[in-house]
C-alpha atoms as a PDB file:
ATOM      1  CA  UNK A   1      98.238  43.893 112.051  1.00  0.00           C
ATOM      2  CA  UNK A   2     101.462  44.745 113.794  1.00  0.00           C
ATOM      3  CA  UNK A   3     103.190  45.236 110.441  1.00  0.00           C
ATOM      4  CA  UNK A   4     100.599  47.872 109.410  1.00  0.00           C
ATOM      5  CA  UNK A   5     101.140  49.774 112.633  1.00  0.00           C
ATOM      6  CA  UNK A   6     104.892  49.928 112.052  1.00  0.00           C
ATOM      7  CA  UNK A   7     104.370  51.090 108.475  1.00  0.00           C
ATOM      8  CA  UNK A   8     101.950  53.766 109.623  1.00  0.00           C
ATOM      9  CA  UNK A   9     104.410  55.153 112.103  1.00  0.00           C
ATOM     10  CA  UNK A  10     107.194  55.212 109.528  1.00  0.00           C
ATOM     11  CA  UNK A  11     104.998  56.917 106.930  1.00  0.00           C
ATOM     12  CA  UNK A  12     103.962  59.765 109.203  1.00  0.00           C
ATOM     13  CA  UNK A  13     107.513  60.198 110.502  1.00  0.00           C
ATOM     14  CA  UNK A  14     109.396  58.680 113.403  1.00  0.00           C
ATOM     15  CA  UNK A  15     106.237  59.129 115.496  1.00  0.00           C
ATOM     16  CA  UNK A  16     102.966  60.799 114.503  1.00  0.00           C
ATOM     17  CA  UNK A  17     103.093  64.160 116.275  1.00  0.00           C
ATOM     18  CA  UNK A  18     100.175  66.474 115.557  1.00  0.00           C
ATOM     19  CA  UNK A  19     101.560  69.523 117.333  1.00  0.00           C
ATOM     20  CA  UNK A  20     102.463  72.455 115.084  1.00  0.00           C
ATOM     21  CA  UNK A  21     106.191  71.991 115.689  1.00  0.00           C
ATOM     22  CA  UNK A  22     105.908  68.250 115.243  1.00  0.00           C
ATOM     23  CA  UNK A  23     104.079  68.560 111.931  1.00  0.00           C
ATOM     24  CA  UNK A  24     106.627  71.115 110.742  1.00  0.00           C
ATOM     25  CA  UNK A  25     109.570  68.838 111.583  1.00  0.00           C
ATOM     26  CA  UNK A  26     107.915  65.841 109.924  1.00  0.00           C
ATOM     27  CA  UNK A  27     106.993  67.705 106.740  1.00  0.00           C
ATOM     28  CA  UNK A  28     108.791  67.463 103.396  1.00  0.00           C
ATOM     29  CA  UNK A  29     111.693  69.889 102.777  1.00  0.00           C
ATOM     30  CA  UNK A  30     109.716  71.875 100.193  1.00  0.00           C
ATOM     31  CA  UNK A  31     106.735  72.163 102.544  1.00  0.00           C
ATOM     32  CA  UNK A  32     109.053  73.280 105.346  1.00  0.00           C
ATOM     33  CA  UNK A  33     110.527  75.955 103.076  1.00  0.00           C
ATOM     34  CA  UNK A  34     107.014  77.173 102.246  1.00  0.00           C
ATOM     35  CA  UNK A  35     106.112  77.306 105.946  1.00  0.00           C
ATOM     36  CA  UNK A  36     109.257  79.267 106.801  1.00  0.00           C
ATOM     37  CA  UNK A  37     108.525  81.685 103.967  1.00  0.00           C
ATOM     38  CA  UNK A  38     104.972  82.228 105.207  1.00  0.00           C
ATOM     39  CA  UNK A  39     106.064  82.720 108.822  1.00  0.00           C
ATOM     40  CA  UNK A  40     108.636  85.292 107.653  1.00  0.00           C
ATOM     41  CA  UNK A  41     105.971  87.036 105.541  1.00  0.00           C
ATOM     42  CA  UNK A  42     103.618  87.141 108.521  1.00  0.00           C
ATOM     43  CA  UNK A  43     106.268  88.666 110.788  1.00  0.00           C
ATOM     44  CA  UNK A  44     107.182  91.180 108.078  1.00  0.00           C
ATOM     45  CA  UNK A  45     103.561  92.208 107.579  1.00  0.00           C
ATOM     46  CA  UNK A  46     103.078  92.762 111.330  1.00  0.00           C
ATOM     47  CA  UNK A  47     106.268  94.832 111.380  1.00  0.00           C
ATOM     48  CA  UNK A  48     104.954  96.990 108.515  1.00  0.00           C
ATOM     49  CA  UNK A  49     101.576  97.394 110.220  1.00  0.00           C
ATOM     50  CA  UNK A  50     102.981  98.495 113.575  1.00  0.00           C
ATOM     51  CA  UNK A  51     105.702 100.736 112.120  1.00  0.00           C
ATOM     52  CA  UNK A  52     103.301 102.515 109.759  1.00  0.00           C
ATOM     53  CA  UNK A  53     100.674 102.898 112.485  1.00  0.00           C
ATOM     54  CA  UNK A  54     103.288 104.428 114.823  1.00  0.00           C
ATOM     55  CA  UNK A  55     104.538 106.849 112.141  1.00  0.00           C
ATOM     56  CA  UNK A  56     101.005 107.884 111.248  1.00  0.00           C
ATOM     57  CA  UNK A  57     100.052 108.417 114.883  1.00  0.00           C
ATOM     58  CA  UNK A  58     103.133 110.575 115.424  1.00  0.00           C
ATOM     59  CA  UNK A  59     102.446 112.570 112.247  1.00  0.00           C
ATOM     60  CA  UNK A  60      98.880 113.274 113.349  1.00  0.00           C
ATOM     61  CA  UNK A  61     100.009 114.444 116.775  1.00  0.00           C
ATOM     62  CA  UNK A  62     102.674 116.737 115.343  1.00  0.00           C
ATOM     63  CA  UNK A  63     100.251 118.053 112.727  1.00  0.00           C
ATOM     64  CA  UNK A  64      97.791 118.996 115.471  1.00  0.00           C
ATOM     65  CA  UNK A  65     100.493 120.925 117.336  1.00  0.00           C
ATOM     66  CA  UNK A  66     101.662 122.627 114.147  1.00  0.00           C
ATOM     67  CA  UNK A  67      98.176 123.706 113.087  1.00  0.00           C
ATOM     68  CA  UNK A  68      97.512 125.113 116.548  1.00  0.00           C
ATOM     69  CA  UNK A  69     100.610 127.282 116.164  1.00  0.00           C
ATOM     70  CA  UNK A  70      99.878 128.118 112.533  1.00  0.00           C
ATOM     71  CA  UNK A  71      96.336 129.347 113.190  1.00  0.00           C
ATOM     72  CA  UNK A  72      97.203 131.075 116.472  1.00  0.00           C
ATOM     73  CA  UNK A  73      97.941 134.309 114.603  1.00  0.00           C
ATOM     74  CA  UNK A  74     101.678 134.324 115.246  1.00  0.00           C
ATOM     75  CA  UNK A  75     104.354 135.295 112.766  1.00  0.00           C
ATOM     76  CA  UNK A  76     104.714 132.865 109.869  1.00  0.00           C
ATOM     77  CA  UNK A  77     108.333 133.912 109.448  1.00  0.00           C
ATOM     78  CA  UNK A  78     109.102 132.898 113.033  1.00  0.00           C
ATOM     79  CA  UNK A  79     107.334 129.585 112.542  1.00  0.00           C
ATOM     80  CA  UNK A  80     109.258 129.041 109.324  1.00  0.00           C
ATOM     81  CA  UNK A  81     112.612 129.858 110.920  1.00  0.00           C
ATOM     82  CA  UNK A  82     111.938 127.308 113.636  1.00  0.00           C
ATOM     83  CA  UNK A  83     111.055 124.536 111.201  1.00  0.00           C
ATOM     84  CA  UNK A  84     113.109 125.115 108.058  1.00  0.00           C
ATOM     85  CA  UNK A  85     116.145 123.172 109.282  1.00  0.00           C
ATOM     86  CA  UNK A  86     114.294 119.916 109.895  1.00  0.00           C
ATOM     87  CA  UNK A  87     110.523 119.629 109.396  1.00  0.00           C
ATOM     88  CA  UNK A  88     109.390 116.498 111.210  1.00  0.00           C
ATOM     89  CA  UNK A  89     106.041 115.726 109.549  1.00  0.00           C
ATOM     90  CA  UNK A  90     104.426 116.161 106.117  1.00  0.00           C
ATOM     91  CA  UNK A  91     102.393 119.307 106.845  1.00  0.00           C
ATOM     92  CA  UNK A  92     105.441 121.074 108.267  1.00  0.00           C
ATOM     93  CA  UNK A  93     107.466 119.985 105.230  1.00  0.00           C
ATOM     94  CA  UNK A  94     104.811 121.421 102.886  1.00  0.00           C
ATOM     95  CA  UNK A  95     104.772 124.669 104.862  1.00  0.00           C
ATOM     96  CA  UNK A  96     108.568 124.950 104.745  1.00  0.00           C
ATOM     97  CA  UNK A  97     108.654 124.236 100.984  1.00  0.00           C
ATOM     98  CA  UNK A  98     105.987 126.867 100.308  1.00  0.00           C
ATOM     99  CA  UNK A  99     107.669 129.488 102.502  1.00  0.00           C
ATOM    100  CA  UNK A 100     111.052 128.820 100.912  1.00  0.00           C
ATOM    101  CA  UNK A 101     109.617 129.263  97.429  1.00  0.00           C
ATOM    102  CA  UNK A 102     107.666 132.303  98.625  1.00  0.00           C
ATOM    103  CA  UNK A 103     110.800 134.040  99.842  1.00  0.00           C
ATOM    104  CA  UNK A 104     112.707 133.213  96.662  1.00  0.00           C
ATOM    105  CA  UNK A 105     109.845 134.415  94.498  1.00  0.00           C
ATOM    106  CA  UNK A 106     109.511 137.674  96.403  1.00  0.00           C
ATOM    107  CA  UNK A 107     113.143 138.435  95.677  1.00  0.00           C
ATOM    108  CA  UNK A 108     112.526 137.739  91.972  1.00  0.00           C
ATOM    109  CA  UNK A 109     109.351 139.816  91.777  1.00  0.00           C
ATOM    110  CA  UNK A 110     111.501 142.908  91.912  1.00  0.00           C
ATOM    111  CA  UNK A 111     113.000 141.667  88.636  1.00  0.00           C
ATOM    112  CA  UNK A 112     109.615 141.492  86.927  1.00  0.00           C
ATOM    113  CA  UNK A 113     108.301 138.017  87.842  1.00  0.00           C
ATOM    114  CA  UNK A 114     104.495 138.231  87.781  1.00  0.00           C
ATOM    115  CA  UNK A 115     102.007 137.017  90.367  1.00  0.00           C
ATOM    116  CA  UNK A 116     100.803 133.992  88.390  1.00  0.00           C
ATOM    117  CA  UNK A 117     104.349 132.687  88.035  1.00  0.00           C
ATOM    118  CA  UNK A 118     104.915 133.010  91.787  1.00  0.00           C
ATOM    119  CA  UNK A 119     101.672 131.178  92.561  1.00  0.00           C
ATOM    120  CA  UNK A 120     102.495 128.422  90.094  1.00  0.00           C
ATOM    121  CA  UNK A 121     105.908 127.871  91.651  1.00  0.00           C
ATOM    122  CA  UNK A 122     104.432 127.714  95.153  1.00  0.00           C
ATOM    123  CA  UNK A 123     101.743 125.236  94.063  1.00  0.00           C
ATOM    124  CA  UNK A 124     104.334 123.005  92.400  1.00  0.00           C
ATOM    125  CA  UNK A 125     106.644 123.135  95.412  1.00  0.00           C
ATOM    126  CA  UNK A 126     103.812 122.089  97.736  1.00  0.00           C
ATOM    127  CA  UNK A 127     102.580 119.382  95.362  1.00  0.00           C
ATOM    128  CA  UNK A 128     106.014 117.795  94.966  1.00  0.00           C
ATOM    129  CA  UNK A 129     106.663 117.965  98.702  1.00  0.00           C
ATOM    130  CA  UNK A 130     103.266 116.421  99.493  1.00  0.00           C
ATOM    131  CA  UNK A 131     103.925 113.493  97.158  1.00  0.00           C
ATOM    132  CA  UNK A 132     107.412 112.913  98.551  1.00  0.00           C
ATOM    133  CA  UNK A 133     106.353 113.116 102.192  1.00  0.00           C
ATOM    134  CA  UNK A 134     103.347 110.838 101.741  1.00  0.00           C
ATOM    135  CA  UNK A 135     105.488 108.255  99.959  1.00  0.00           C
ATOM    136  CA  UNK A 136     107.865 108.370 102.899  1.00  0.00           C
ATOM    137  CA  UNK A 137     105.013 108.052 105.397  1.00  0.00           C
ATOM    138  CA  UNK A 138     103.441 105.127 103.557  1.00  0.00           C
ATOM    139  CA  UNK A 139     106.732 103.239 103.563  1.00  0.00           C
ATOM    140  CA  UNK A 140     106.151  99.561 102.712  1.00  0.00           C
ATOM    141  CA  UNK A 141     102.368  99.479 103.063  1.00  0.00           C
ATOM    142  CA  UNK A 142     102.041  98.358  99.448  1.00  0.00           C
ATOM    143  CA  UNK A 143     103.767  95.087 100.323  1.00  0.00           C
ATOM    144  CA  UNK A 144     100.836  94.209 102.595  1.00  0.00           C
ATOM    145  CA  UNK A 145      98.615  93.913  99.527  1.00  0.00           C
ATOM    146  CA  UNK A 146     101.160  91.585  97.909  1.00  0.00           C
ATOM    147  CA  UNK A 147     101.398  89.424 101.019  1.00  0.00           C
ATOM    148  CA  UNK A 148      97.630  89.354 101.410  1.00  0.00           C
ATOM    149  CA  UNK A 149      97.051  88.208  97.840  1.00  0.00           C
ATOM    150  CA  UNK A 150     100.021  85.839  97.429  1.00  0.00           C
ATOM    151  CA  UNK A 151     100.258  84.104 100.831  1.00  0.00           C
ATOM    152  CA  UNK A 152      97.159  81.860 100.402  1.00  0.00           C
ATOM    153  CA  UNK A 153      98.448  80.620  97.051  1.00  0.00           C
ATOM    154  CA  UNK A 154     101.920  79.972  98.452  1.00  0.00           C
ATOM    155  CA  UNK A 155     100.326  78.028 101.291  1.00  0.00           C
ATOM    156  CA  UNK A 156      98.159  76.120  98.796  1.00  0.00           C
ATOM    157  CA  UNK A 157     101.283  75.208  96.825  1.00  0.00           C
ATOM    158  CA  UNK A 158     102.813  73.755 100.004  1.00  0.00           C
ATOM    159  CA  UNK A 159      99.615  71.813 100.689  1.00  0.00           C
ATOM    160  CA  UNK A 160      99.421  70.379  97.168  1.00  0.00           C
ATOM    161  CA  UNK A 161     103.079  69.384  97.293  1.00  0.00           C
ATOM    162  CA  UNK A 162     102.659  67.750 100.687  1.00  0.00           C
ATOM    163  CA  UNK A 163      99.547  65.843  99.616  1.00  0.00           C
ATOM    164  CA  UNK A 164     101.342  64.617  96.487  1.00  0.00           C
ATOM    165  CA  UNK A 165     104.162  63.259  98.633  1.00  0.00           C
ATOM    166  CA  UNK A 166     101.663  61.738 101.053  1.00  0.00           C
ATOM    167  CA  UNK A 167      99.785  59.935  98.297  1.00  0.00           C
ATOM    168  CA  UNK A 168     103.055  58.700  96.810  1.00  0.00           C
ATOM    169  CA  UNK A 169     104.055  57.263 100.190  1.00  0.00           C
ATOM    170  CA  UNK A 170     100.622  55.661 100.569  1.00  0.00           C
ATOM    171  CA  UNK A 171     100.971  54.013  97.161  1.00  0.00           C
ATOM    172  CA  UNK A 172     104.409  52.666  98.043  1.00  0.00           C
ATOM    173  CA  UNK A 173     103.192  51.324 101.399  1.00  0.00           C
ATOM    174  CA  UNK A 174      99.940  49.953  99.881  1.00  0.00           C
ATOM    175  CA  UNK A 175      98.097  51.065 103.032  1.00  0.00           C
ATOM    176  CA  UNK A 176      95.143  53.469 102.973  1.00  0.00           C
ATOM    177  CA  UNK A 177      94.177  53.347 106.644  1.00  0.00           C
ATOM    178  CA  UNK A 178      93.369  56.623 108.395  1.00  0.00           C
ATOM    179  CA  UNK A 179      96.395  56.253 110.664  1.00  0.00           C
ATOM    180  CA  UNK A 180      98.587  56.159 107.573  1.00  0.00           C
ATOM    181  CA  UNK A 181      96.931  59.004 105.674  1.00  0.00           C
ATOM    182  CA  UNK A 182      96.292  61.492 108.512  1.00  0.00           C
ATOM    183  CA  UNK A 183      99.852  62.603 109.424  1.00  0.00           C
ATOM    184  CA  UNK A 184     100.893  63.489 105.875  1.00  0.00           C
ATOM    185  CA  UNK A 185      97.611  65.281 105.104  1.00  0.00           C
ATOM    186  CA  UNK A 186      97.777  67.239 108.374  1.00  0.00           C
ATOM    187  CA  UNK A 187     101.329  68.369 107.653  1.00  0.00           C
ATOM    188  CA  UNK A 188     100.306  69.508 104.183  1.00  0.00           C
ATOM    189  CA  UNK A 189      97.244  71.423 105.396  1.00  0.00           C
ATOM    190  CA  UNK A 190      99.375  73.274 107.931  1.00  0.00           C
ATOM    191  CA  UNK A 191     100.913  75.175 105.002  1.00  0.00           C
ATOM    192  CA  UNK A 192      97.494  76.472 103.930  1.00  0.00           C
ATOM    193  CA  UNK A 193      96.717  77.473 107.518  1.00  0.00           C
ATOM    194  CA  UNK A 194      99.970  79.447 107.717  1.00  0.00           C
ATOM    195  CA  UNK A 195      99.135  81.093 104.404  1.00  0.00           C
ATOM    196  CA  UNK A 196      95.842  82.330 105.825  1.00  0.00           C
ATOM    197  CA  UNK A 197      97.543  83.430 109.048  1.00  0.00           C
ATOM    198  CA  UNK A 198      99.883  85.584 106.966  1.00  0.00           C
ATOM    199  CA  UNK A 199      97.236  86.846 104.523  1.00  0.00           C
ATOM    200  CA  UNK A 200      94.325  87.850 106.776  1.00  0.00           C
ATOM    201  CA  UNK A 201      96.162  90.400 108.984  1.00  0.00           C
ATOM    202  CA  UNK A 202      97.982  91.740 105.916  1.00  0.00           C
ATOM    203  CA  UNK A 203      94.713  92.412 104.051  1.00  0.00           C
ATOM    204  CA  UNK A 204      93.019  93.979 107.078  1.00  0.00           C
ATOM    205  CA  UNK A 205      96.096  96.065 107.879  1.00  0.00           C
ATOM    206  CA  UNK A 206      96.434  97.229 104.283  1.00  0.00           C
ATOM    207  CA  UNK A 207      92.803  98.340 104.049  1.00  0.00           C
ATOM    208  CA  UNK A 208      92.907 100.137 107.399  1.00  0.00           C
ATOM    209  CA  UNK A 209      96.247 101.864 106.820  1.00  0.00           C
ATOM    210  CA  UNK A 210      95.343 102.825 103.250  1.00  0.00           C
ATOM    211  CA  UNK A 211      92.172 104.500 104.508  1.00  0.00           C
ATOM    212  CA  UNK A 212      94.019 106.345 107.292  1.00  0.00           C
ATOM    213  CA  UNK A 213      96.808 107.427 104.952  1.00  0.00           C
ATOM    214  CA  UNK A 214      94.260 108.661 102.434  1.00  0.00           C
ATOM    215  CA  UNK A 215      92.587 110.776 105.097  1.00  0.00           C
ATOM    216  CA  UNK A 216      95.916 112.194 106.200  1.00  0.00           C
ATOM    217  CA  UNK A 217      96.861 112.952 102.598  1.00  0.00           C
ATOM    218  CA  UNK A 218      93.565 114.823 102.247  1.00  0.00           C
ATOM    219  CA  UNK A 219      94.443 116.793 105.375  1.00  0.00           C
ATOM    220  CA  UNK A 220      97.831 117.742 103.916  1.00  0.00           C
ATOM    221  CA  UNK A 221      96.255 118.779 100.607  1.00  0.00           C
ATOM    222  CA  UNK A 222      93.630 120.803 102.448  1.00  0.00           C
ATOM    223  CA  UNK A 223      96.335 122.677 104.332  1.00  0.00           C
ATOM    224  CA  UNK A 224      98.183 123.267 101.059  1.00  0.00           C
ATOM    225  CA  UNK A 225      95.104 124.838  99.501  1.00  0.00           C
ATOM    226  CA  UNK A 226      94.459 127.040 102.524  1.00  0.00           C
ATOM    227  CA  UNK A 227      98.066 128.177 102.752  1.00  0.00           C
ATOM    228  CA  UNK A 228      98.195 128.858  99.014  1.00  0.00           C
ATOM    229  CA  UNK A 229      95.118 131.063  99.390  1.00  0.00           C
ATOM    230  CA  UNK A 230      96.809 132.971 102.228  1.00  0.00           C
ATOM    231  CA  UNK A 231      99.933 133.576 100.159  1.00  0.00           C
ATOM    232  CA  UNK A 232      97.805 134.596  97.177  1.00  0.00           C
ATOM    233  CA  UNK A 233      96.044 137.227  99.265  1.00  0.00           C
ATOM    234  CA  UNK A 234      99.391 138.560 100.422  1.00  0.00           C
ATOM    235  CA  UNK A 235     100.521 138.814  96.809  1.00  0.00           C
ATOM    236  CA  UNK A 236      97.363 140.790  96.011  1.00  0.00           C
ATOM    237  CA  UNK A 237      98.002 143.139  98.909  1.00  0.00           C
ATOM    238  CA  UNK A 238     101.598 143.682  97.820  1.00  0.00           C
ATOM    239  CA  UNK A 239     100.408 144.317  94.273  1.00  0.00           C
ATOM    240  CA  UNK A 240      98.258 147.168  95.511  1.00  0.00           C
END
């Protein structure tokens, strides 16, 4: 009986320790590598979530201030001159791009450029700027979907590997008692738990941020349409 106890202790490690740190230290090298990878993925996903949330919150706040100034009835040229050097959020960048193209097109209209060409150039400038600014605002959000879908499988790989090693050790020791089996199985299952810890926040964060970014993109596109209509009316007035 004493021999089985010694074998059980050796199989689970120097001493069966069921704390998270203890199970990590007692795990196989491959399982440890999987755990480290999953912990790094979890930290990375939280970093993406908080950074994107902060950027989006700042963009919303600045967009509110900009739209208050834009619709206040002040001079668009003055607003443009104050922002053209460094627009700090997507809506301002779209406004600056449209105004820049507007001023260039006005200079060319004297050379025979028609209204439809001017409108087309302004639309394209705003569309390209919107795409570029939204890509910049989204940053690495797409990686959250990858982490959310891959992390459980990576954790499962670590669990399968750990259980294989545990069963091999059990076969060598010829001992199937619970005290012998439990440490190795627990260490292996920790990898799956870490996979879920990395995946669940990543999936939730991705869905939430994707929805918020989609709404903000719709807000930018709505402003683009409204501003294009304003510039079109000014072109009509100048044509008369």
